[in-house]
């Protein structure tokens, strides 16, 4: 267990104690490994979920990269047209 994970687990336990009587129904985070492990350690019966924004951002990365590559290739082709346009 890393120091960061241990510190986070301690913090989660402290929050749980402060919320005496209020159940923690779930935990949502950006997916950082130390947070995931700390939740698993301190709150083993509490469901964990990746934040929708971060999940969708990761899911869209391949499409974004493909689009960026296509844009770059298209610009290469268009650059050759400019001198022709200027001549006309």
N, C-alpha and C. Protein backbone atom coordinates (compact mmCIF):
# COMPACT_ATOMS: atom_id res chain seq x y z
N UNK A 1 0.85 -1.17 0.00
CA UNK A 1 0.00 0.00 0.00
C UNK A 1 0.90 1.24 0.00
N UNK A 2 0.61 2.15 -0.93
CA UNK A 2 1.41 3.38 -1.00
C UNK A 2 1.01 4.34 0.12
N UNK A 3 1.88 5.29 0.39
CA UNK A 3 1.60 6.27 1.45
C UNK A 3 0.37 7.09 1.09
N UNK A 4 0.25 7.46 -0.16
CA UNK A 4 -0.89 8.25 -0.61
C UNK A 4 -2.19 7.46 -0.42
N UNK A 5 -2.15 6.20 -0.80
CA UNK A 5 -3.34 5.33 -0.63
C UNK A 5 -3.70 5.20 0.85
N UNK A 6 -2.70 5.02 1.69
CA UNK A 6 -2.95 4.88 3.13
C UNK A 6 -3.54 6.17 3.71
N UNK A 7 -3.00 7.31 3.28
CA UNK A 7 -3.52 8.60 3.75
C UNK A 7 -4.97 8.79 3.31
N UNK A 8 -5.26 8.43 2.06
CA UNK A 8 -6.64 8.55 1.56
C UNK A 8 -7.59 7.62 2.30
N UNK A 9 -7.13 6.40 2.57
CA UNK A 9 -7.97 5.45 3.31
C UNK A 9 -8.27 5.97 4.71
N UNK A 10 -7.25 6.54 5.35
CA UNK A 10 -7.47 7.14 6.68
C UNK A 10 -8.47 8.28 6.60
N UNK A 11 -8.34 9.11 5.58
CA UNK A 11 -9.27 10.23 5.39
C UNK A 11 -10.69 9.73 5.17
N UNK A 12 -10.85 8.70 4.37
CA UNK A 12 -12.18 8.13 4.13
C UNK A 12 -12.79 7.58 5.42
N UNK A 13 -11.98 6.91 6.21
CA UNK A 13 -12.47 6.39 7.49
C UNK A 13 -12.89 7.53 8.42
N UNK A 14 -12.10 8.60 8.42
CA UNK A 14 -12.41 9.76 9.26
C UNK A 14 -13.74 10.40 8.82
N UNK A 15 -13.93 10.53 7.54
CA UNK A 15 -15.19 11.09 7.03
C UNK A 15 -16.35 10.19 7.40
N UNK A 16 -16.15 8.89 7.26
CA UNK A 16 -17.21 7.94 7.62
C UNK A 16 -17.59 8.07 9.09
N UNK A 17 -16.61 8.25 9.95
CA UNK A 17 -16.88 8.42 11.39
C UNK A 17 -17.61 9.73 11.65
N UNK A 18 -17.22 10.79 10.94
CA UNK A 18 -17.86 12.09 11.12
C UNK A 18 -19.32 12.07 10.65
N UNK A 19 -19.61 11.21 9.69
CA UNK A 19 -20.98 11.09 9.18
C UNK A 19 -21.77 10.04 9.95
N UNK A 20 -21.42 9.87 11.18
CA UNK A 20 -22.03 8.86 12.04
C UNK A 20 -23.54 8.74 11.77
N UNK A 21 -23.93 7.58 11.32
CA UNK A 21 -25.35 7.32 11.07
C UNK A 21 -25.79 7.63 9.64
N UNK A 22 -24.97 8.35 8.88
CA UNK A 22 -25.31 8.65 7.49
C UNK A 22 -24.55 7.66 6.60
N UNK A 23 -25.29 6.81 5.90
CA UNK A 23 -24.60 5.79 5.10
C UNK A 23 -23.93 6.37 3.86
N UNK A 24 -22.79 5.83 3.52
CA UNK A 24 -22.12 6.19 2.27
C UNK A 24 -22.57 5.15 1.25
N UNK A 25 -23.33 5.59 0.27
CA UNK A 25 -23.94 4.68 -0.71
C UNK A 25 -23.05 4.40 -1.90
N UNK A 26 -22.06 5.26 -2.15
CA UNK A 26 -21.17 5.06 -3.29
C UNK A 26 -20.10 6.12 -3.32
N UNK A 27 -19.07 5.85 -4.11
CA UNK A 27 -17.96 6.80 -4.28
C UNK A 27 -17.72 6.96 -5.77
N UNK A 28 -17.57 8.21 -6.20
CA UNK A 28 -17.27 8.53 -7.59
C UNK A 28 -15.98 9.34 -7.61
N UNK A 29 -15.06 8.97 -8.51
CA UNK A 29 -13.82 9.74 -8.64
C UNK A 29 -13.34 9.72 -10.08
N UNK A 30 -12.19 10.35 -10.30
CA UNK A 30 -11.62 10.44 -11.64
C UNK A 30 -10.88 9.17 -12.05
N UNK A 31 -10.84 8.18 -11.19
CA UNK A 31 -10.22 6.91 -11.54
C UNK A 31 -8.77 6.76 -11.11
N UNK A 32 -8.26 7.71 -10.36
CA UNK A 32 -6.87 7.63 -9.87
C UNK A 32 -6.72 6.33 -9.07
N UNK A 33 -5.67 5.58 -9.36
CA UNK A 33 -5.47 4.27 -8.74
C UNK A 33 -5.42 4.34 -7.21
N UNK A 34 -4.76 5.36 -6.67
CA UNK A 34 -4.66 5.45 -5.21
C UNK A 34 -6.04 5.66 -4.59
N UNK A 35 -6.91 6.40 -5.27
CA UNK A 35 -8.27 6.60 -4.75
C UNK A 35 -9.05 5.30 -4.81
N UNK A 36 -8.97 4.61 -5.94
CA UNK A 36 -9.68 3.33 -6.09
C UNK A 36 -9.28 2.35 -4.98
N UNK A 37 -7.96 2.24 -4.76
CA UNK A 37 -7.47 1.30 -3.76
C UNK A 37 -7.84 1.73 -2.35
N UNK A 38 -7.82 3.04 -2.09
CA UNK A 38 -8.19 3.54 -0.76
C UNK A 38 -9.65 3.26 -0.48
N UNK A 39 -10.51 3.45 -1.46
CA UNK A 39 -11.94 3.14 -1.29
C UNK A 39 -12.11 1.65 -1.02
N UNK A 40 -11.41 0.85 -1.78
CA UNK A 40 -11.49 -0.62 -1.60
C UNK A 40 -11.02 -1.02 -0.20
N UNK A 41 -10.01 -0.33 0.32
CA UNK A 41 -9.46 -0.64 1.64
C UNK A 41 -10.37 -0.14 2.76
N UNK A 42 -10.75 1.14 2.68
CA UNK A 42 -11.50 1.77 3.78
C UNK A 42 -13.00 1.49 3.73
N UNK A 43 -13.54 1.34 2.53
CA UNK A 43 -14.99 1.15 2.37
C UNK A 43 -15.25 -0.05 1.45
N UNK A 44 -14.87 -1.25 1.88
CA UNK A 44 -14.93 -2.40 0.98
C UNK A 44 -16.33 -2.75 0.47
N UNK A 45 -17.37 -2.41 1.20
CA UNK A 45 -18.73 -2.75 0.79
C UNK A 45 -19.43 -1.62 0.04
N UNK A 46 -18.73 -0.52 -0.18
CA UNK A 46 -19.32 0.63 -0.86
C UNK A 46 -18.96 0.57 -2.35
N UNK A 47 -19.97 0.66 -3.23
CA UNK A 47 -19.68 0.62 -4.67
C UNK A 47 -18.85 1.83 -5.11
N UNK A 48 -17.97 1.58 -6.07
CA UNK A 48 -17.10 2.63 -6.62
C UNK A 48 -17.45 2.79 -8.09
N UNK A 49 -17.45 4.04 -8.56
CA UNK A 49 -17.75 4.30 -9.97
C UNK A 49 -16.85 5.39 -10.50
N UNK A 50 -16.46 5.24 -11.74
CA UNK A 50 -15.68 6.27 -12.42
C UNK A 50 -16.61 7.40 -12.83
N UNK A 51 -16.17 8.62 -12.65
CA UNK A 51 -16.93 9.81 -13.03
C UNK A 51 -17.32 9.72 -14.51
N UNK A 52 -18.57 10.06 -14.85
CA UNK A 52 -19.05 9.97 -16.24
C UNK A 52 -18.20 10.83 -17.18
N UNK A 53 -17.85 12.03 -16.73
CA UNK A 53 -17.04 12.90 -17.58
C UNK A 53 -15.72 12.23 -17.93
N UNK A 54 -15.03 11.70 -16.93
CA UNK A 54 -13.73 11.06 -17.17
C UNK A 54 -13.89 9.79 -18.00
N UNK A 55 -14.94 9.03 -17.74
CA UNK A 55 -15.21 7.81 -18.49
C UNK A 55 -15.43 8.13 -19.97
N UNK A 56 -16.29 9.10 -20.24
CA UNK A 56 -16.59 9.46 -21.62
C UNK A 56 -15.38 10.08 -22.32
N UNK A 57 -14.60 10.86 -21.60
CA UNK A 57 -13.39 11.44 -22.18
C UNK A 57 -12.44 10.34 -22.63
N UNK A 58 -12.26 9.33 -21.79
CA UNK A 58 -11.38 8.21 -22.15
C UNK A 58 -11.94 7.42 -23.32
N UNK A 59 -13.26 7.23 -23.34
CA UNK A 59 -13.89 6.49 -24.42
C UNK A 59 -13.77 7.22 -25.75
N UNK A 60 -13.75 8.55 -25.72
CA UNK A 60 -13.69 9.35 -26.94
C UNK A 60 -12.27 9.56 -27.47
N UNK A 61 -11.26 9.20 -26.70
CA UNK A 61 -9.88 9.45 -27.12
C UNK A 61 -9.54 8.86 -28.49
N UNK A 62 -9.88 7.59 -28.77
CA UNK A 62 -9.52 7.05 -30.09
C UNK A 62 -10.18 7.81 -31.25
N UNK A 63 -11.42 8.24 -31.07
CA UNK A 63 -12.12 9.00 -32.10
C UNK A 63 -11.46 10.36 -32.28
N UNK A 64 -11.12 11.00 -31.17
CA UNK A 64 -10.46 12.30 -31.21
C UNK A 64 -9.12 12.20 -31.94
N UNK A 65 -8.34 11.18 -31.61
CA UNK A 65 -7.02 11.02 -32.24
C UNK A 65 -7.16 10.74 -33.74
N UNK A 66 -8.14 9.91 -34.11
CA UNK A 66 -8.37 9.63 -35.54
C UNK A 66 -8.79 10.90 -36.27
N UNK A 67 -9.64 11.70 -35.66
CA UNK A 67 -10.09 12.95 -36.27
C UNK A 67 -8.93 13.93 -36.41
N UNK A 68 -8.09 14.00 -35.40
CA UNK A 68 -6.94 14.90 -35.45
C UNK A 68 -5.99 14.49 -36.57
N UNK A 69 -5.77 13.18 -36.71
CA UNK A 69 -4.90 12.68 -37.77
C UNK A 69 -5.50 13.00 -39.14
N UNK A 70 -6.81 12.78 -39.31
CA UNK A 70 -7.48 13.06 -40.58
C UNK A 70 -7.38 14.55 -40.92
N UNK A 71 -7.54 15.40 -39.93
CA UNK A 71 -7.45 16.85 -40.14
C UNK A 71 -6.05 17.23 -40.61
N UNK A 72 -5.03 16.63 -39.99
CA UNK A 72 -3.64 16.91 -40.36
C UNK A 72 -3.38 16.49 -41.81
N UNK A 73 -3.87 15.31 -42.19
CA UNK A 73 -3.67 14.81 -43.55
C UNK A 73 -4.41 15.67 -44.57
N UNK A 74 -5.60 16.12 -44.22
CA UNK A 74 -6.38 16.98 -45.10
C UNK A 74 -5.67 18.31 -45.31
N UNK A 75 -5.13 18.87 -44.25
CA UNK A 75 -4.39 20.13 -44.37
C UNK A 75 -3.19 19.99 -45.29
N UNK A 76 -2.52 18.83 -45.26
CA UNK A 76 -1.37 18.61 -46.14
C UNK A 76 -1.80 18.70 -47.60
N UNK A 77 -2.95 18.10 -47.91
CA UNK A 77 -3.44 18.11 -49.29
C UNK A 77 -3.88 19.50 -49.73
N UNK A 78 -4.51 20.23 -48.83
CA UNK A 78 -5.02 21.55 -49.16
C UNK A 78 -3.91 22.55 -49.36
N UNK A 79 -2.81 22.39 -48.65
CA UNK A 79 -1.67 23.32 -48.80
C UNK A 79 -1.18 23.38 -50.24
N UNK A 80 -1.27 22.28 -50.96
CA UNK A 80 -0.84 22.25 -52.36
C UNK A 80 -1.78 23.01 -53.28
N UNK A 81 -3.00 23.26 -52.85
CA UNK A 81 -3.99 23.96 -53.66
C UNK A 81 -3.78 25.47 -53.62
N UNK A 82 -3.28 26.02 -52.56
CA UNK A 82 -3.14 27.47 -52.39
C UNK A 82 -2.31 28.11 -53.49
N UNK A 83 -1.13 27.57 -53.83
CA UNK A 83 -0.36 28.21 -54.91
C UNK A 83 -1.13 28.22 -56.24
N UNK A 84 -1.90 27.17 -56.48
CA UNK A 84 -2.69 27.09 -57.71
C UNK A 84 -3.77 28.17 -57.69
N UNK A 85 -4.45 28.31 -56.54
CA UNK A 85 -5.50 29.33 -56.41
C UNK A 85 -4.92 30.73 -56.64
N UNK A 86 -3.75 30.99 -56.08
CA UNK A 86 -3.14 32.30 -56.21
C UNK A 86 -2.76 32.60 -57.68
N UNK A 87 -2.34 31.57 -58.36
CA UNK A 87 -1.93 31.74 -59.78
C UNK A 87 -3.14 32.04 -60.65
N UNK A 88 -4.29 31.51 -60.29
CA UNK A 88 -5.49 31.71 -61.09
C UNK A 88 -6.04 33.07 -60.77
